[in-house]
Protein backbone atom coordinates (compact mmCIF):
# COMPACT_ATOMS: atom_id res chain seq x y z
CA MET A 1 10.65 -47.35 1.46
CA THR A 2 10.95 -43.58 1.88
CA ILE A 3 11.01 -41.59 5.10
CA TYR A 4 8.46 -38.77 5.29
CA ASN A 5 8.32 -35.88 7.76
CA TYR A 6 4.77 -35.01 8.79
CA THR A 7 2.80 -32.45 10.75
CA ALA A 8 -0.63 -33.52 11.97
CA LEU A 9 -3.47 -32.59 14.33
CA LYS A 10 -4.27 -34.73 17.34
CA ASN A 11 -7.91 -34.50 18.41
CA ASN A 12 -8.21 -31.52 16.01
CA LYS A 13 -6.30 -29.35 18.49
CA GLU A 14 -2.82 -30.49 19.41
CA ILE A 15 -0.19 -30.30 16.67
CA VAL A 16 2.22 -33.24 16.50
CA LYS A 17 5.25 -33.87 14.31
CA GLY A 18 7.07 -37.02 13.40
CA LYS A 19 8.51 -39.32 10.75
CA ILE A 20 6.98 -42.30 9.02
CA GLU A 21 8.08 -44.80 6.38
CA ALA A 22 5.95 -45.35 3.30
CA ALA A 23 6.24 -46.06 -0.41
CA THR A 24 4.25 -42.99 -1.53
CA PRO A 25 2.99 -39.75 0.04
CA ARG A 26 -0.58 -41.13 -0.19
CA GLU A 27 0.39 -44.24 1.74
CA ALA A 28 2.15 -42.04 4.29
CA ARG A 29 -1.05 -40.03 4.86
CA GLU A 30 -3.07 -43.25 5.28
CA ASN A 31 -0.57 -44.57 7.84
CA ILE A 32 -0.75 -41.26 9.75
CA ARG A 33 -4.56 -41.48 9.87
CA LYS A 34 -4.23 -45.02 11.24
CA LEU A 35 -2.25 -43.52 14.12
CA GLY A 36 -5.29 -41.36 14.93
CA PHE A 37 -3.86 -38.12 13.57
CA LEU A 38 -5.14 -35.75 10.90
CA PRO A 39 -2.22 -35.00 8.54
CA THR A 40 -1.76 -31.35 7.55
CA ARG A 41 1.66 -31.61 5.95
CA VAL A 42 3.58 -34.58 4.55
CA GLU A 43 6.86 -34.27 2.66
CA GLU A 44 9.81 -36.43 1.81
CA GLU A 45 12.74 -35.98 4.14
CA HIS A 46 15.29 -33.80 2.33
CA LEU A 47 17.00 -30.48 2.65
CA ARG A 48 14.23 -28.28 1.20
CA GLY A 49 13.65 -25.30 3.41
CA GLN A 50 16.44 -26.34 5.79
CA ASN A 51 18.53 -23.26 5.10
CA ASP A 52 15.46 -21.02 5.35
CA ASN A 53 14.55 -22.49 8.72
CA LYS A 54 18.09 -22.04 9.99
CA ASP A 55 18.06 -18.42 8.87
CA ALA A 56 14.68 -17.88 10.47
CA THR A 57 15.80 -19.42 13.75
CA LYS A 58 18.97 -17.34 13.71
CA GLU A 59 17.03 -14.12 13.09
CA ALA A 60 14.42 -15.01 15.69
CA LYS A 61 17.10 -15.52 18.32
CA LYS A 62 18.35 -12.03 17.56
CA GLY A 63 14.80 -10.70 18.11
CA LYS A 64 14.55 -9.41 14.56
CA VAL A 65 11.26 -9.55 12.70
CA SER A 66 11.01 -8.61 9.04
CA LYS A 67 8.71 -5.77 8.05
CA LEU A 68 5.41 -7.01 6.64
CA GLY A 69 3.90 -5.40 3.58
CA LEU A 70 0.15 -5.00 3.13
CA GLN A 71 -0.19 -8.28 1.21
CA ASP A 72 1.94 -10.08 3.83
CA ARG A 73 -0.40 -8.88 6.59
CA ILE A 74 -3.38 -10.04 4.54
CA ASP A 75 -1.87 -13.52 4.10
CA PHE A 76 -0.91 -13.75 7.80
CA THR A 77 -4.29 -12.53 9.05
CA SER A 78 -6.25 -14.71 6.63
CA THR A 79 -4.58 -17.91 7.81
CA LEU A 80 -4.75 -16.90 11.47
CA GLN A 81 -8.45 -16.01 11.19
CA ILE A 82 -9.36 -19.32 9.54
CA LEU A 83 -7.51 -21.33 12.16
CA ALA A 84 -8.94 -19.27 15.04
CA GLN A 85 -12.45 -19.69 13.63
CA SER A 86 -11.85 -23.47 13.59
CA GLY A 87 -11.19 -23.39 17.32
CA ILE A 88 -7.43 -23.98 17.09
CA PRO A 89 -5.51 -22.20 19.90
CA ILE A 90 -3.35 -19.22 18.95
CA ILE A 91 -0.05 -20.99 19.68
CA GLU A 92 -0.92 -23.95 17.44
CA SER A 93 -2.16 -21.55 14.75
CA LEU A 94 1.13 -19.68 14.83
CA LEU A 95 3.03 -22.96 14.69
CA PHE A 96 1.08 -23.93 11.57
CA ILE A 97 1.92 -20.57 9.94
CA GLU A 98 5.55 -20.94 11.00
CA ASN A 99 5.78 -24.30 9.22
CA ASP A 100 3.61 -23.74 6.17
CA ALA A 101 3.59 -20.05 5.22
CA ALA A 102 4.85 -19.43 1.70
CA LYS A 103 7.12 -16.51 2.61
CA LEU A 104 10.08 -16.66 4.95
CA LYS A 105 9.27 -13.29 6.54
CA ILE A 106 5.79 -14.54 7.55
CA ARG A 107 7.24 -17.73 9.00
CA LEU A 108 9.77 -15.67 10.91
CA VAL A 109 7.07 -13.40 12.34
CA ALA A 110 4.95 -16.38 13.41
CA GLN A 111 7.95 -18.05 15.04
CA GLU A 112 8.86 -14.96 17.06
CA LEU A 113 5.25 -14.31 18.12
CA ARG A 114 4.78 -17.92 19.19
CA ARG A 115 8.02 -17.85 21.19
CA GLN A 116 7.00 -14.77 23.12
CA ILE A 117 3.43 -15.95 23.75
CA MET A 118 4.75 -19.24 25.11
CA ASN A 119 6.85 -17.17 27.53
CA GLY A 120 3.69 -15.70 29.02
CA GLY A 121 2.65 -12.85 26.71
CA THR A 122 -0.73 -12.29 25.11
CA PHE A 123 -1.20 -12.02 21.35
CA ALA A 124 -2.09 -8.31 21.44
CA ASP A 125 0.74 -7.41 23.82
CA THR A 126 3.22 -9.36 21.71
CA ILE A 127 2.36 -7.75 18.39
CA ALA A 128 2.39 -4.36 20.16
CA LYS A 129 6.17 -4.77 20.35
CA TYR A 130 6.32 -4.66 16.54
CA PRO A 131 4.50 -1.47 15.41
CA LYS A 132 6.59 -1.22 12.23
CA GLN A 133 5.57 -4.72 11.19
CA PHE A 134 1.84 -4.56 11.98
CA GLY A 135 0.97 -0.88 12.41
CA GLN A 136 -0.88 0.86 15.25
CA ILE A 137 -4.30 0.19 13.72
CA TYR A 138 -3.72 -3.57 13.61
CA ILE A 139 -2.36 -3.56 17.16
CA GLY A 140 -5.16 -1.40 18.55
CA LEU A 141 -7.93 -3.50 17.03
CA CYS A 142 -6.36 -6.79 18.19
CA LYS A 143 -6.05 -5.34 21.69
CA ALA A 144 -9.74 -4.40 21.70
CA GLY A 145 -10.75 -7.79 20.32
CA GLU A 146 -8.69 -9.67 22.88
CA ASP A 147 -10.01 -7.56 25.77
CA SER A 148 -13.62 -8.18 24.67
CA GLY A 149 -13.04 -11.89 24.05
CA GLU A 150 -13.89 -11.52 20.36
CA LEU A 151 -10.47 -11.90 18.78
CA GLU A 152 -11.88 -14.17 16.05
CA LYS A 153 -14.41 -11.53 14.94
CA THR A 154 -11.78 -8.83 15.19
CA LEU A 155 -9.44 -10.80 12.93
CA GLU A 156 -12.30 -11.17 10.44
CA ARG A 157 -12.94 -7.40 10.55
CA LEU A 158 -9.22 -6.77 10.20
CA LEU A 159 -9.04 -8.99 7.15
CA GLU A 160 -11.91 -7.09 5.52
CA LEU A 161 -10.20 -3.80 6.36
CA LEU A 162 -6.84 -4.90 4.94
CA ASN A 163 -8.48 -6.16 1.75
CA LYS A 164 -10.30 -2.85 1.43
CA GLN A 165 -7.07 -0.89 1.86
CA ALA A 166 -5.40 -3.09 -0.75
CA ALA A 167 -8.30 -2.48 -3.16
CA ILE A 168 -8.12 1.31 -2.69
CA LYS A 169 -4.36 1.28 -3.12
CA SER A 170 -4.71 -0.76 -6.30
CA LYS A 171 -7.33 1.65 -7.71
CA VAL A 172 -5.25 4.76 -7.02
CA ILE A 173 -2.04 3.21 -8.36
CA GLY A 174 -3.90 1.95 -11.43
CA THR A 175 -5.20 5.46 -12.08
CA LEU A 176 -1.75 7.03 -11.79
CA MET A 177 0.14 4.36 -13.74
CA TYR A 178 -0.94 5.63 -17.16
CA PRO A 179 0.21 9.27 -16.71
CA ILE A 180 3.46 8.12 -15.10
CA PHE A 181 4.13 5.78 -18.03
CA VAL A 182 3.40 8.57 -20.53
CA ILE A 183 5.69 11.01 -18.68
CA VAL A 184 8.56 8.49 -18.61
CA LEU A 185 8.01 7.73 -22.30
CA ALA A 186 8.01 11.47 -23.12
CA ILE A 187 11.29 11.96 -21.26
CA LEU A 188 12.90 9.09 -23.19
CA ILE A 189 11.66 10.47 -26.52
CA VAL A 190 13.01 13.95 -25.74
CA LEU A 191 16.40 12.53 -24.70
CA ILE A 192 16.66 10.42 -27.88
CA MET A 193 15.73 13.40 -30.06
CA LEU A 194 18.18 15.74 -28.34
CA MET A 195 21.10 13.30 -28.15
CA PHE A 196 20.85 11.55 -31.53
CA VAL A 197 18.61 13.51 -33.92
CA PHE A 198 19.50 17.17 -33.33
CA PRO A 199 23.31 16.70 -33.60
CA VAL A 200 22.80 15.06 -37.06
CA PHE A 201 21.27 18.31 -38.38
CA LYS A 202 24.06 20.52 -36.99
CA ASP A 203 26.33 20.33 -40.09
CA MET A 204 23.41 21.00 -42.41
CA PHE A 205 22.33 24.06 -40.42
CA ASP A 206 25.92 25.35 -40.29
CA THR A 207 26.18 25.29 -44.13
CA MET A 208 23.16 27.57 -44.36
CA GLY A 209 25.22 30.37 -42.84
CA LYS A 210 22.21 31.86 -41.08
CA GLU A 211 21.43 32.47 -37.45
CA LEU A 212 19.30 29.69 -36.02
CA PRO A 213 15.98 30.40 -34.28
CA TRP A 214 16.48 30.62 -30.52
CA ILE A 215 14.51 27.43 -29.82
CA THR A 216 16.60 25.45 -32.34
CA ALA A 217 19.86 26.89 -30.99
CA LYS A 218 18.98 26.09 -27.39
CA LEU A 219 17.87 22.52 -28.11
CA MET A 220 20.91 21.99 -30.35
CA ASP A 221 23.27 23.11 -27.58
CA ILE A 222 21.51 20.90 -25.06
CA GLY A 223 21.62 17.91 -27.40
CA ILE A 224 25.35 18.32 -28.13
CA PHE A 225 26.05 18.72 -24.42
CA LEU A 226 24.09 15.57 -23.50
CA LYS A 227 25.73 13.56 -26.28
CA THR A 228 29.19 14.66 -25.17
CA TYR A 229 28.54 14.14 -21.47
CA TRP A 230 26.11 11.24 -21.81
CA TYR A 231 27.17 9.77 -18.46
CA LEU A 232 25.56 12.76 -16.75
CA VAL A 233 22.09 11.76 -18.02
CA PRO A 234 21.44 8.97 -15.47
CA LEU A 235 22.93 11.18 -12.74
CA LEU A 236 20.63 14.05 -13.68
CA LEU A 237 17.57 11.80 -13.85
CA GLY A 238 18.48 10.13 -10.56
CA GLY A 239 19.08 13.50 -8.95
CA LEU A 240 15.75 14.81 -10.23
CA PHE A 241 13.92 11.74 -8.91
CA GLY A 242 15.67 12.05 -5.55
CA PHE A 243 14.88 15.76 -5.33
CA VAL A 244 11.18 15.20 -6.07
CA THR A 245 11.06 12.36 -3.53
CA PHE A 246 12.71 14.64 -0.97
CA LEU A 247 10.15 17.38 -1.61
CA PHE A 248 7.27 14.97 -1.04
CA ASN A 249 8.81 13.59 2.18
CA TRP A 250 10.28 16.72 3.79
CA GLN A 251 7.61 18.03 6.14
CA PRO A 252 7.74 21.78 5.24
CA THR A 253 7.39 21.11 1.50
CA LYS A 254 4.99 18.18 2.00
CA ARG A 255 2.62 20.47 3.89
CA LYS A 256 2.65 23.00 1.05
CA ILE A 257 2.16 20.29 -1.58
CA ASP A 258 -0.70 18.71 0.39
CA GLU A 259 -2.34 22.11 0.76
CA TYR A 260 -1.95 22.91 -2.95
CA ILE A 261 -3.27 19.50 -4.08
CA LEU A 262 -6.53 20.11 -2.22
CA LYS A 263 -7.12 23.16 -4.45
CA ILE A 264 -6.89 21.24 -7.74
CA PRO A 265 -10.31 20.14 -9.08
CA VAL A 266 -10.95 16.39 -9.40
CA LEU A 267 -7.49 15.54 -8.01
CA SER A 268 -8.54 17.03 -4.67
CA ASP A 269 -11.64 14.79 -4.73
CA LEU A 270 -9.45 11.74 -5.35
CA ILE A 271 -7.15 12.63 -2.43
CA GLU A 272 -10.00 13.46 -0.04
CA PHE A 273 -12.17 10.42 -0.77
CA SER A 274 -9.26 7.96 -0.83
CA ASN A 275 -8.20 9.30 2.59
CA PHE A 276 -11.71 9.32 4.04
CA SER A 277 -12.44 5.85 2.66
CA ASN A 278 -9.75 4.37 4.88
CA PHE A 279 -10.63 6.76 7.73
CA ILE A 280 -14.32 5.80 7.90
CA ALA A 281 -13.56 2.09 7.38
CA VAL A 282 -11.16 2.00 10.35
CA LEU A 283 -13.58 4.09 12.41
CA GLN A 284 -16.37 1.62 11.70
CA VAL A 285 -14.29 -1.50 12.41
CA ALA A 286 -12.87 -0.05 15.63
CA TYR A 287 -16.32 1.07 16.82
CA ASP A 288 -17.83 -2.38 16.14
CA ALA A 289 -14.92 -3.94 18.06
CA GLY A 290 -15.94 -1.93 21.13
CA VAL A 291 -13.12 0.59 21.07
CA PRO A 292 -13.98 3.94 22.78
CA ILE A 293 -14.80 6.68 20.28
CA ILE A 294 -11.69 8.74 21.12
CA GLU A 295 -9.43 5.77 20.43
CA CYS A 296 -11.45 5.02 17.29
CA LEU A 297 -10.67 8.51 16.01
CA TYR A 298 -7.01 8.13 16.96
CA LEU A 299 -6.69 4.85 15.04
CA ALA A 300 -8.66 6.17 12.06
CA ASN A 301 -6.52 9.32 11.94
CA LEU A 302 -3.42 7.16 11.43
CA THR A 303 -4.70 6.24 7.96
CA LEU A 304 -4.73 9.85 6.70
CA THR A 305 -1.80 10.65 4.43
CA ASN A 306 -2.65 14.27 3.59
CA TYR A 307 -1.19 16.65 6.19
CA ILE A 308 -4.02 19.21 6.00
CA LEU A 309 -6.73 16.58 6.43
CA LYS A 310 -4.80 14.98 9.27
CA ILE A 311 -4.44 18.26 11.19
CA ARG A 312 -8.12 19.13 10.82
CA ILE A 313 -9.32 15.70 11.91
CA GLU A 314 -6.97 15.89 14.90
CA SER A 315 -8.67 19.14 15.88
CA ALA A 316 -12.03 17.36 15.66
CA THR A 317 -10.71 14.60 17.93
CA SER A 318 -9.80 17.24 20.54
CA LYS A 319 -13.33 18.64 20.39
CA VAL A 320 -14.83 15.17 20.89
CA GLN A 321 -12.57 14.76 23.93
CA GLN A 322 -14.05 17.97 25.29
CA GLY A 323 -17.56 16.51 25.03
CA GLN A 324 -18.71 17.61 21.58
CA HIS A 325 -20.71 15.22 19.38
CA LEU A 326 -18.73 13.40 16.68
CA SER A 327 -20.82 14.80 13.82
CA SER A 328 -20.51 18.39 15.12
CA ALA A 329 -16.77 18.07 15.63
CA LEU A 330 -16.24 16.65 12.12
CA ARG A 331 -18.50 19.32 10.60
CA SER A 332 -16.29 22.05 12.08
CA THR A 333 -13.31 20.76 10.04
CA ARG A 334 -15.08 21.71 6.76
CA VAL A 335 -13.39 18.85 4.91
CA MET A 336 -15.71 15.91 5.58
CA PRO A 337 -18.36 15.27 2.86
CA LYS A 338 -21.83 16.48 3.91
CA MET A 339 -23.45 13.11 3.21
CA ILE A 340 -21.04 11.43 5.62
CA LEU A 341 -21.77 14.05 8.28
CA PHE A 342 -25.49 13.50 7.84
CA MET A 343 -25.11 9.72 8.20
CA ILE A 344 -22.98 10.06 11.34
CA ALA A 345 -25.44 12.53 12.89
CA THR A 346 -28.33 10.17 12.10
CA GLY A 347 -26.42 7.26 13.64
CA GLU A 348 -25.74 9.24 16.81
CA GLN A 349 -29.38 10.24 17.19
CA SER A 350 -30.76 6.76 16.51
CA GLY A 351 -28.11 4.82 18.44
CA ARG A 352 -27.06 2.98 15.25
CA LEU A 353 -23.71 4.66 14.65
CA GLY A 354 -22.02 1.39 13.64
CA ASP A 355 -24.62 0.69 10.93
CA MET A 356 -24.47 4.25 9.61
CA LEU A 357 -20.67 4.11 9.48
CA MET A 358 -21.01 0.99 7.35
CA GLN A 359 -23.38 2.85 5.03
CA ALA A 360 -20.95 5.76 4.93
CA THR A 361 -18.16 3.38 3.92
CA ASN A 362 -20.24 2.05 1.02
CA PHE A 363 -21.13 5.59 -0.07
CA ILE A 364 -17.48 6.69 -0.11
CA ASP A 365 -16.44 3.59 -2.06
CA LYS A 366 -19.01 4.30 -4.77
CA LYS A 367 -18.02 7.96 -4.87
CA LEU A 368 -14.34 7.02 -5.14
CA ASP A 369 -15.07 4.68 -8.05
CA ASN A 370 -16.89 7.50 -9.88
CA ILE A 371 -14.00 9.91 -9.29
CA ILE A 372 -11.49 7.37 -10.62
CA ASP A 373 -13.63 6.84 -13.73
CA VAL A 374 -13.76 10.61 -14.34
CA MET A 375 -10.01 10.96 -13.83
CA THR A 376 -9.29 8.07 -16.17
CA LYS A 377 -11.37 9.72 -18.90
CA MET A 378 -9.67 13.10 -18.31
CA ILE A 379 -6.13 11.77 -18.24
CA GLU A 380 -6.16 10.39 -21.78
CA PRO A 381 -6.83 13.71 -23.60
CA ILE A 382 -4.49 15.57 -21.23
CA MET A 383 -1.68 13.13 -22.00
CA LEU A 384 -2.38 13.46 -25.73
CA ILE A 385 -2.06 17.23 -25.42
CA VAL A 386 1.22 16.89 -23.49
CA ILE A 387 2.74 14.46 -26.00
CA GLY A 388 1.46 16.52 -28.92
CA SER A 389 2.99 19.69 -27.44
CA ILE A 390 6.36 18.00 -27.01
CA VAL A 391 6.32 16.67 -30.58
CA LEU A 392 5.28 20.11 -31.88
CA VAL A 393 8.15 21.87 -30.09
CA LEU A 394 10.71 19.36 -31.36
CA ALA A 395 9.33 19.52 -34.89
CA LEU A 396 9.36 23.34 -34.92
CA ALA A 397 12.93 23.37 -33.64
CA LEU A 398 14.01 21.15 -36.54
CA TYR A 399 11.98 22.69 -39.36
CA LEU A 400 12.02 26.42 -38.54
CA PRO A 401 15.57 26.85 -39.99
CA LEU A 402 14.47 25.01 -43.14
CA PHE A 403 11.36 27.16 -43.49
CA GLY A 404 13.45 30.31 -42.93
CA SER A 405 15.94 29.26 -45.62
CA TYR A 406 13.15 28.43 -48.04
CA MET A 407 11.39 31.77 -47.49
CA SER A 408 14.63 33.75 -47.98
CA THR A 409 15.20 32.09 -51.34
């Protein structure tokens, strides 16, 4: 006989744990049902997961909670929403996640939340202590849902919102992956040509006894330098990557970059609609959850990543605080699409703002898909031109001396 550890539901509410002897896992489940329990987890007693649980307990005692990525929050919210919809209390739901979540960081989060709720805290107040893990939007919506007594519906709306954000992120990354791959490939080709091909032609060019064209001379010098000091190549590439990252994160340069991007055709549409897609989606979910319109705008504004758009929407929020209609305040920013403004104005006049925000969300999603399709079609010829230009420059640098020697003879 083998000893099995089990987790089961008693009366479909209370979670119980224990051990039972059986010949097979199936027999163990049957014996648990005979006890009047509904088994949710049955496993042979061994050391699997023991070290993980010890680490989780140790970290939880220190009050540390791992940062959750977007997919982690989706997994956590999905399980929590299903259990809450089934009528299982929040503490038992968190206990289930703590025992059965696939990732250690999710189990650790559930364990810490359950511990604090059992000490007298509410779910919304507890997650509010971890803004880096959940984000202000998640916290604000859970607070509204808990205050209104509709936490289950709020978790369902949150799950839809998180899935939408993941879909938008996937679309944008998918669009940018191809040009990034081509750029990296072009850099590698140039380095290989400069470091290994150009130095091979040096002796042949020297025997010609003629002055090299300036482009050949420059690329030859660079190639010899890189071949001699090859260890500087990864340092230079790393430094370049770090410098570009710094420019995009340092506020003074980020503001200039964000402002310049909004002036580039097609790319500006991608940035604007990807930002407003998340903005309107959060606005709609928060409004349906009963959050006051000012707080809805505050939560929605947290999704904006472009500095210029963020500043202008913040100015609209101030105008709404002063009593101006939402549609009028957003129209004054001159960045919101006219169709969205029309839908919001119609919703305000008819008293169906929530429905019109949903329609606006669908409109932006379709528009964003069209923009991504256009960009995808444009990127391919642009990348071909870039690669072709690089190959042309390298070929000219190699063959111009030969052409010059041939013409002189």
